[in-house]
């Protein structure tokens, strides 16, 4: 097993597109991530409403992972952003 870190949404999208035909177990997750990246605004920052929608889409990808350590969810983000 090895770990590979990719920084930047454009690079993540390019790598996932190349890996997609060879993926079996995580193919649906890769497709969901590509869709998320494509939905991110190309220029500028998203509005709060857009950002929270994006967060909900990220939450939906959690079904593809087995992480028990995930603590930051849409509810956590929304609570923080509306408080500050």
PDB file of N, CA and C in Angstrom:
ATOM      1  N   UNK A   1       0.851  -1.170   0.000  1.00  0.00           N
ATOM      2  CA  UNK A   1       0.000   0.000   0.000  1.00  0.00           C
ATOM      3  C   UNK A   1       0.895   1.230   0.000  1.00  0.00           C
ATOM      4  N   UNK A   2       0.487   2.234  -0.747  1.00  0.00           N
ATOM      5  CA  UNK A   2       1.246   3.481  -0.750  1.00  0.00           C
ATOM      6  C   UNK A   2       0.278   4.649  -0.726  1.00  0.00           C
ATOM      7  N   UNK A   3       0.811   5.809  -0.469  1.00  0.00           N
ATOM      8  CA  UNK A   3       0.003   7.010  -0.387  1.00  0.00           C
ATOM      9  C   UNK A   3       0.548   8.037  -1.365  1.00  0.00           C
ATOM     10  N   UNK A   4      -0.352   8.736  -2.037  1.00  0.00           N
ATOM     11  CA  UNK A   4       0.036   9.728  -3.029  1.00  0.00           C
ATOM     12  C   UNK A   4      -0.798  10.971  -2.766  1.00  0.00           C
ATOM     13  N   UNK A   5      -0.153  12.107  -2.560  1.00  0.00           N
ATOM     14  CA  UNK A   5      -0.863  13.341  -2.264  1.00  0.00           C
ATOM     15  C   UNK A   5      -0.934  14.215  -3.507  1.00  0.00           C
ATOM     16  N   UNK A   6      -2.126  14.652  -3.843  1.00  0.00           N
ATOM     17  CA  UNK A   6      -2.348  15.535  -4.987  1.00  0.00           C
ATOM     18  C   UNK A   6      -2.961  16.819  -4.450  1.00  0.00           C
ATOM     19  N   UNK A   7      -2.387  17.946  -4.824  1.00  0.00           N
ATOM     20  CA  UNK A   7      -2.867  19.231  -4.330  1.00  0.00           C
ATOM     21  C   UNK A   7      -3.494  20.011  -5.486  1.00  0.00           C
ATOM     22  N   UNK A   8      -4.701  20.460  -5.278  1.00  0.00           N
ATOM     23  CA  UNK A   8      -5.397  21.258  -6.285  1.00  0.00           C
ATOM     24  C   UNK A   8      -6.477  20.456  -6.989  1.00  0.00           C
ATOM     25  N   UNK A   9      -7.649  21.059  -7.107  1.00  0.00           N
ATOM     26  CA  UNK A   9      -8.785  20.348  -7.692  1.00  0.00           C
ATOM     27  C   UNK A   9      -8.553  19.961  -9.145  1.00  0.00           C
ATOM     28  N   UNK A  10      -7.904  20.822  -9.908  1.00  0.00           N
ATOM     29  CA  UNK A  10      -7.656  20.495 -11.318  1.00  0.00           C
ATOM     30  C   UNK A  10      -6.791  19.242 -11.450  1.00  0.00           C
ATOM     31  N   UNK A  11      -5.767  19.153 -10.605  1.00  0.00           N
ATOM     32  CA  UNK A  11      -4.887  17.984 -10.652  1.00  0.00           C
ATOM     33  C   UNK A  11      -5.605  16.717 -10.189  1.00  0.00           C
ATOM     34  N   UNK A  12      -6.418  16.849  -9.156  1.00  0.00           N
ATOM     35  CA  UNK A  12      -7.194  15.705  -8.663  1.00  0.00           C
ATOM     36  C   UNK A  12      -8.123  15.206  -9.776  1.00  0.00           C
ATOM     37  N   UNK A  13      -8.782  16.139 -10.452  1.00  0.00           N
ATOM     38  CA  UNK A  13      -9.702  15.772 -11.537  1.00  0.00           C
ATOM     39  C   UNK A  13      -8.964  15.035 -12.654  1.00  0.00           C
ATOM     40  N   UNK A  14      -7.798  15.544 -13.041  1.00  0.00           N
ATOM     41  CA  UNK A  14      -7.019  14.916 -14.117  1.00  0.00           C
ATOM     42  C   UNK A  14      -6.606  13.488 -13.746  1.00  0.00           C
ATOM     43  N   UNK A  15      -6.141  13.310 -12.530  1.00  0.00           N
ATOM     44  CA  UNK A  15      -5.708  11.975 -12.090  1.00  0.00           C
ATOM     45  C   UNK A  15      -6.898  11.024 -12.022  1.00  0.00           C
ATOM     46  N   UNK A  16      -8.009  11.487 -11.463  1.00  0.00           N
ATOM     47  CA  UNK A  16      -9.196  10.626 -11.370  1.00  0.00           C
ATOM     48  C   UNK A  16      -9.710  10.229 -12.745  1.00  0.00           C
ATOM     49  N   UNK A  17      -9.711  11.168 -13.692  1.00  0.00           N
ATOM     50  CA  UNK A  17     -10.158  10.855 -15.054  1.00  0.00           C
ATOM     51  C   UNK A  17      -9.279   9.768 -15.680  1.00  0.00           C
ATOM     52  N   UNK A  18      -7.978   9.822 -15.407  1.00  0.00           N
ATOM     53  CA  UNK A  18      -7.072   8.815 -15.966  1.00  0.00           C
ATOM     54  C   UNK A  18      -7.243   7.464 -15.281  1.00  0.00           C
ATOM     55  N   UNK A  19      -7.521   7.483 -13.980  1.00  0.00           N
ATOM     56  CA  UNK A  19      -7.685   6.246 -13.221  1.00  0.00           C
ATOM     57  C   UNK A  19      -9.063   5.599 -13.398  1.00  0.00           C
ATOM     58  N   UNK A  20     -10.052   6.399 -13.729  1.00  0.00           N
ATOM     59  CA  UNK A  20     -11.445   5.940 -13.769  1.00  0.00           C
ATOM     60  C   UNK A  20     -11.669   4.609 -14.494  1.00  0.00           C
ATOM     61  N   UNK A  21     -11.111   4.400 -15.683  1.00  0.00           N
ATOM     62  CA  UNK A  21     -11.364   3.125 -16.365  1.00  0.00           C
ATOM     63  C   UNK A  21     -10.811   1.908 -15.619  1.00  0.00           C
ATOM     64  N   UNK A  22      -9.826   2.124 -14.757  1.00  0.00           N
ATOM     65  CA  UNK A  22      -9.186   1.016 -14.043  1.00  0.00           C
ATOM     66  C   UNK A  22      -9.718   0.812 -12.626  1.00  0.00           C
ATOM     67  N   UNK A  23     -10.592   1.673 -12.183  1.00  0.00           N
ATOM     68  CA  UNK A  23     -11.133   1.558 -10.826  1.00  0.00           C
ATOM     69  C   UNK A  23     -12.288   0.571 -10.802  1.00  0.00           C
ATOM     70  N   UNK A  24     -12.388  -0.145  -9.698  1.00  0.00           N
ATOM     71  CA  UNK A  24     -13.494  -1.074  -9.532  1.00  0.00           C
ATOM     72  C   UNK A  24     -14.269  -0.738  -8.256  1.00  0.00           C
ATOM     73  N   UNK A  25     -13.587  -0.767  -7.134  1.00  0.00           N
ATOM     74  CA  UNK A  25     -14.253  -0.547  -5.857  1.00  0.00           C
ATOM     75  C   UNK A  25     -14.626   0.911  -5.616  1.00  0.00           C
ATOM     76  N   UNK A  26     -13.834   1.829  -6.090  1.00  0.00           N
ATOM     77  CA  UNK A  26     -14.066   3.247  -5.813  1.00  0.00           C
ATOM     78  C   UNK A  26     -14.499   4.038  -7.050  1.00  0.00           C
ATOM     79  N   UNK A  27     -14.992   3.352  -8.052  1.00  0.00           N
ATOM     80  CA  UNK A  27     -15.393   4.030  -9.292  1.00  0.00           C
ATOM     81  C   UNK A  27     -16.514   5.041  -9.040  1.00  0.00           C
ATOM     82  N   UNK A  28     -17.520   4.674  -8.269  1.00  0.00           N
ATOM     83  CA  UNK A  28     -18.630   5.590  -7.987  1.00  0.00           C
ATOM     84  C   UNK A  28     -18.155   6.800  -7.197  1.00  0.00           C
ATOM     85  N   UNK A  29     -17.224   6.584  -6.270  1.00  0.00           N
ATOM     86  CA  UNK A  29     -16.665   7.694  -5.501  1.00  0.00           C
ATOM     87  C   UNK A  29     -15.890   8.627  -6.423  1.00  0.00           C
ATOM     88  N   UNK A  30     -15.087   8.083  -7.309  1.00  0.00           N
ATOM     89  CA  UNK A  30     -14.313   8.904  -8.246  1.00  0.00           C
ATOM     90  C   UNK A  30     -15.245   9.735  -9.121  1.00  0.00           C
ATOM     91  N   UNK A  31     -16.322   9.139  -9.593  1.00  0.00           N
ATOM     92  CA  UNK A  31     -17.289   9.876 -10.407  1.00  0.00           C
ATOM     93  C   UNK A  31     -17.927  11.001  -9.597  1.00  0.00           C
ATOM     94  N   UNK A  32     -18.257  10.726  -8.345  1.00  0.00           N
ATOM     95  CA  UNK A  32     -18.863  11.740  -7.478  1.00  0.00           C
ATOM     96  C   UNK A  32     -17.889  12.894  -7.223  1.00  0.00           C
ATOM     97  N   UNK A  33     -16.624  12.580  -7.027  1.00  0.00           N
ATOM     98  CA  UNK A  33     -15.618  13.623  -6.787  1.00  0.00           C
ATOM     99  C   UNK A  33     -15.428  14.473  -8.039  1.00  0.00           C
ATOM    100  N   UNK A  34     -15.391  13.854  -9.189  1.00  0.00           N
ATOM    101  CA  UNK A  34     -15.266  14.607 -10.444  1.00  0.00           C
ATOM    102  C   UNK A  34     -16.468  15.544 -10.603  1.00  0.00           C
ATOM    103  N   UNK A  35     -17.649  15.043 -10.280  1.00  0.00           N
ATOM    104  CA  UNK A  35     -18.859  15.861 -10.357  1.00  0.00           C
ATOM    105  C   UNK A  35     -18.780  17.040  -9.378  1.00  0.00           C
ATOM    106  N   UNK A  36     -18.266  16.786  -8.173  1.00  0.00           N
ATOM    107  CA  UNK A  36     -18.080  17.849  -7.185  1.00  0.00           C
ATOM    108  C   UNK A  36     -17.128  18.916  -7.705  1.00  0.00           C
ATOM    109  N   UNK A  37     -16.009  18.487  -8.247  1.00  0.00           N
ATOM    110  CA  UNK A  37     -15.016  19.427  -8.766  1.00  0.00           C
ATOM    111  C   UNK A  37     -15.622  20.260  -9.892  1.00  0.00           C
ATOM    112  N   UNK A  38     -16.381  19.619 -10.761  1.00  0.00           N
ATOM    113  CA  UNK A  38     -17.011  20.333 -11.870  1.00  0.00           C
ATOM    114  C   UNK A  38     -18.057  21.342 -11.398  1.00  0.00           C
ATOM    115  N   UNK A  39     -18.651  21.095 -10.239  1.00  0.00           N
ATOM    116  CA  UNK A  39     -19.685  22.006  -9.730  1.00  0.00           C
ATOM    117  C   UNK A  39     -19.103  23.195  -8.966  1.00  0.00           C
ATOM    118  N   UNK A  40     -17.817  23.144  -8.651  1.00  0.00           N
ATOM    119  CA  UNK A  40     -17.175  24.243  -7.919  1.00  0.00           C
ATOM    120  C   UNK A  40     -17.043  25.452  -8.848  1.00  0.00           C
ATOM    121  N   UNK A  41     -17.343  26.664  -8.368  1.00  0.00           N
ATOM    122  CA  UNK A  41     -17.229  27.852  -9.226  1.00  0.00           C
ATOM    123  C   UNK A  41     -15.815  28.003  -9.793  1.00  0.00           C
ATOM    124  N   UNK A  42     -15.737  28.303 -11.064  1.00  0.00           N
ATOM    125  CA  UNK A  42     -14.431  28.428 -11.727  1.00  0.00           C
ATOM    126  C   UNK A  42     -13.680  29.667 -11.258  1.00  0.00           C
ATOM    127  N   UNK A  43     -14.408  30.736 -10.983  1.00  0.00           N
ATOM    128  CA  UNK A  43     -13.766  31.989 -10.573  1.00  0.00           C
ATOM    129  C   UNK A  43     -14.456  32.534  -9.337  1.00  0.00           C
ATOM    130  N   UNK A  44     -13.685  33.115  -8.459  1.00  0.00           N
ATOM    131  CA  UNK A  44     -14.259  33.717  -7.267  1.00  0.00           C
ATOM    132  C   UNK A  44     -14.645  32.695  -6.223  1.00  0.00           C
ATOM    133  N   UNK A  45     -15.186  33.207  -5.157  1.00  0.00           N
ATOM    134  CA  UNK A  45     -15.618  32.347  -4.050  1.00  0.00           C
ATOM    135  C   UNK A  45     -17.109  32.045  -4.171  1.00  0.00           C
ATOM    136  N   UNK A  46     -17.493  30.872  -3.716  1.00  0.00           N
ATOM    137  CA  UNK A  46     -18.930  30.546  -3.741  1.00  0.00           C
ATOM    138  C   UNK A  46     -19.663  31.323  -2.652  1.00  0.00           C
ATOM    139  N   UNK A  47     -20.945  31.515  -2.852  1.00  0.00           N
ATOM    140  CA  UNK A  47     -21.761  32.126  -1.804  1.00  0.00           C
ATOM    141  C   UNK A  47     -21.905  31.116  -0.669  1.00  0.00           C
ATOM    142  N   UNK A  48     -22.419  31.567   0.454  1.00  0.00           N
ATOM    143  CA  UNK A  48     -22.623  30.660   1.591  1.00  0.00           C
ATOM    144  C   UNK A  48     -23.561  29.521   1.193  1.00  0.00           C
ATOM    145  N   UNK A  49     -24.620  29.855   0.472  1.00  0.00           N
ATOM    146  CA  UNK A  49     -25.590  28.837   0.035  1.00  0.00           C
ATOM    147  C   UNK A  49     -24.915  27.809  -0.879  1.00  0.00           C
ATOM    148  N   UNK A  50     -24.110  28.281  -1.828  1.00  0.00           N
ATOM    149  CA  UNK A  50     -23.399  27.380  -2.741  1.00  0.00           C
ATOM    150  C   UNK A  50     -22.405  26.507  -1.982  1.00  0.00           C
ATOM    151  N   UNK A  51     -21.714  27.125  -1.023  1.00  0.00           N
ATOM    152  CA  UNK A  51     -20.708  26.396  -0.251  1.00  0.00           C
ATOM    153  C   UNK A  51     -21.344  25.288   0.583  1.00  0.00           C
ATOM    154  N   UNK A  52     -22.465  25.595   1.200  1.00  0.00           N
ATOM    155  CA  UNK A  52     -23.152  24.581   2.020  1.00  0.00           C
ATOM    156  C   UNK A  52     -23.719  23.463   1.148  1.00  0.00           C
ATOM    157  N   UNK A  53     -24.160  23.801  -0.058  1.00  0.00           N
ATOM    158  CA  UNK A  53     -24.619  22.769  -1.006  1.00  0.00           C
ATOM    159  C   UNK A  53     -23.449  21.843  -1.356  1.00  0.00           C
ATOM    160  N   UNK A  54     -22.303  22.438  -1.594  1.00  0.00           N
ATOM    161  CA  UNK A  54     -21.091  21.675  -1.881  1.00  0.00           C
ATOM    162  C   UNK A  54     -20.743  20.774  -0.694  1.00  0.00           C
ATOM    163  N   UNK A  55     -20.853  21.303   0.513  1.00  0.00           N
ATOM    164  CA  UNK A  55     -20.578  20.517   1.724  1.00  0.00           C
ATOM    165  C   UNK A  55     -21.511  19.315   1.830  1.00  0.00           C
ATOM    166  N   UNK A  56     -22.781  19.516   1.505  1.00  0.00           N
ATOM    167  CA  UNK A  56     -23.753  18.402   1.538  1.00  0.00           C
ATOM    168  C   UNK A  56     -23.377  17.332   0.523  1.00  0.00           C
ATOM    169  N   UNK A  57     -22.884  17.759  -0.635  1.00  0.00           N
ATOM    170  CA  UNK A  57     -22.446  16.793  -1.650  1.00  0.00           C
ATOM    171  C   UNK A  57     -21.226  16.017  -1.154  1.00  0.00           C
ATOM    172  N   UNK A  58     -20.336  16.690  -0.446  1.00  0.00           N
ATOM    173  CA  UNK A  58     -19.178  16.014   0.141  1.00  0.00           C
ATOM    174  C   UNK A  58     -19.651  15.013   1.189  1.00  0.00           C
ATOM    175  N   UNK A  59     -20.606  15.408   2.011  1.00  0.00           N
ATOM    176  CA  UNK A  59     -21.170  14.484   3.007  1.00  0.00           C
ATOM    177  C   UNK A  59     -21.721  13.226   2.343  1.00  0.00           C
ATOM    178  N   UNK A  60     -22.333  13.392   1.188  1.00  0.00           N
ATOM    179  CA  UNK A  60     -22.927  12.248   0.475  1.00  0.00           C
ATOM    180  C   UNK A  60     -21.863  11.257   0.017  1.00  0.00           C
ATOM    181  N   UNK A  61     -20.646  11.713  -0.204  1.00  0.00           N
ATOM    182  CA  UNK A  61     -19.581  10.796  -0.628  1.00  0.00           C
ATOM    183  C   UNK A  61     -19.071   9.941   0.528  1.00  0.00           C
ATOM    184  N   UNK A  62     -19.455  10.273   1.742  1.00  0.00           N
ATOM    185  CA  UNK A  62     -18.990   9.524   2.916  1.00  0.00           C
ATOM    186  C   UNK A  62     -19.447   8.065   2.889  1.00  0.00           C
ATOM    187  N   UNK A  63     -20.523   7.774   2.178  1.00  0.00           N
ATOM    188  CA  UNK A  63     -21.008   6.391   2.114  1.00  0.00           C
ATOM    189  C   UNK A  63     -20.013   5.470   1.400  1.00  0.00           C
ATOM    190  N   UNK A  64     -19.098   6.049   0.627  1.00  0.00           N
ATOM    191  CA  UNK A  64     -18.114   5.258  -0.106  1.00  0.00           C
ATOM    192  C   UNK A  64     -16.852   4.967   0.705  1.00  0.00           C
ATOM    193  N   UNK A  65     -16.752   5.571   1.889  1.00  0.00           N
ATOM    194  CA  UNK A  65     -15.562   5.412   2.722  1.00  0.00           C
ATOM    195  C   UNK A  65     -15.926   4.777   4.054  1.00  0.00           C
ATOM    196  N   UNK A  66     -14.929   4.264   4.708  1.00  0.00           N
ATOM    197  CA  UNK A  66     -15.152   3.564   5.980  1.00  0.00           C
ATOM    198  C   UNK A  66     -14.549   4.330   7.152  1.00  0.00           C
ATOM    199  N   UNK A  67     -14.385   5.633   6.997  1.00  0.00           N
ATOM    200  CA  UNK A  67     -13.738   6.440   8.018  1.00  0.00           C
ATOM    201  C   UNK A  67     -14.650   6.663   9.217  1.00  0.00           C
ATOM    202  N   UNK A  68     -14.132   6.388  10.374  1.00  0.00           N
ATOM    203  CA  UNK A  68     -14.864   6.645  11.612  1.00  0.00           C
ATOM    204  C   UNK A  68     -14.368   7.926  12.267  1.00  0.00           C
ATOM    205  N   UNK A  69     -13.310   8.507  11.713  1.00  0.00           N
ATOM    206  CA  UNK A  69     -12.698   9.694  12.300  1.00  0.00           C
ATOM    207  C   UNK A  69     -13.276  10.999  11.767  1.00  0.00           C
ATOM    208  N   UNK A  70     -14.147  10.943  10.805  1.00  0.00           N
ATOM    209  CA  UNK A  70     -14.690  12.155  10.190  1.00  0.00           C
ATOM    210  C   UNK A  70     -15.542  12.916  11.185  1.00  0.00           C
ATOM    211  N   UNK A  71     -15.146  14.149  11.478  1.00  0.00           N
ATOM    212  CA  UNK A  71     -15.883  14.952  12.456  1.00  0.00           C
ATOM    213  C   UNK A  71     -16.451  16.224  11.842  1.00  0.00           C
ATOM    214  N   UNK A  72     -15.909  16.678  10.731  1.00  0.00           N
ATOM    215  CA  UNK A  72     -16.393  17.911  10.112  1.00  0.00           C
ATOM    216  C   UNK A  72     -17.416  17.557   9.035  1.00  0.00           C
ATOM    217  N   UNK A  73     -18.634  17.989   9.271  1.00  0.00           N
ATOM    218  CA  UNK A  73     -19.740  17.738   8.351  1.00  0.00           C
ATOM    219  C   UNK A  73     -20.371  19.076   7.970  1.00  0.00           C
ATOM    220  N   UNK A  74     -21.390  19.032   7.145  1.00  0.00           N
ATOM    221  CA  UNK A  74     -22.093  20.256   6.754  1.00  0.00           C
ATOM    222  C   UNK A  74     -22.631  20.980   7.979  1.00  0.00           C
ATOM    223  N   UNK A  75     -23.164  20.231   8.918  1.00  0.00           N
ATOM    224  CA  UNK A  75     -23.711  20.850  10.135  1.00  0.00           C
ATOM    225  C   UNK A  75     -22.624  21.601  10.903  1.00  0.00           C
ATOM    226  N   UNK A  76     -21.444  21.011  10.999  1.00  0.00           N
ATOM    227  CA  UNK A  76     -20.327  21.648  11.689  1.00  0.00           C
ATOM    228  C   UNK A  76     -19.914  22.931  10.973  1.00  0.00           C
ATOM    229  N   UNK A  77     -19.806  22.856   9.655  1.00  0.00           N
ATOM    230  CA  UNK A  77     -19.409  24.018   8.850  1.00  0.00           C
ATOM    231  C   UNK A  77     -20.449  25.119   8.958  1.00  0.00           C
ATOM    232  N   UNK A  78     -21.710  24.747   8.820  1.00  0.00           N
ATOM    233  CA  UNK A  78     -22.788  25.738   8.878  1.00  0.00           C
ATOM    234  C   UNK A  78     -22.823  26.431  10.235  1.00  0.00           C
ATOM    235  N   UNK A  79     -22.672  25.668  11.286  1.00  0.00           N
ATOM    236  CA  UNK A  79     -22.665  26.229  12.636  1.00  0.00           C
ATOM    237  C   UNK A  79     -21.515  27.219  12.791  1.00  0.00           C
ATOM    238  N   UNK A  80     -20.336  26.861  12.313  1.00  0.00           N
ATOM    239  CA  UNK A  80     -19.177  27.734  12.412  1.00  0.00           C
ATOM    240  C   UNK A  80     -19.363  29.010  11.589  1.00  0.00           C
ATOM    241  N   UNK A  81     -19.823  28.862  10.345  1.00  0.00           N
ATOM    242  CA  UNK A  81     -19.937  30.029   9.461  1.00  0.00           C
ATOM    243  C   UNK A  81     -21.031  30.987   9.883  1.00  0.00           C
ATOM    244  N   UNK A  82     -22.114  30.487  10.416  1.00  0.00           N
ATOM    245  CA  UNK A  82     -23.198  31.382  10.844  1.00  0.00           C
ATOM    246  C   UNK A  82     -22.883  32.038  12.189  1.00  0.00           C
ATOM    247  N   UNK A  83     -22.004  31.423  12.939  1.00  0.00           N
ATOM    248  CA  UNK A  83     -21.604  31.954  14.241  1.00  0.00           C
ATOM    249  C   UNK A  83     -20.580  33.094  14.072  1.00  0.00           C
ATOM    250  N   UNK A  84     -19.733  32.983  13.050  1.00  0.00           N
ATOM    251  CA  UNK A  84     -18.654  33.960  12.858  1.00  0.00           C
ATOM    252  C   UNK A  84     -18.980  34.969  11.801  1.00  0.00           C
TER     253      UNK A  84
END
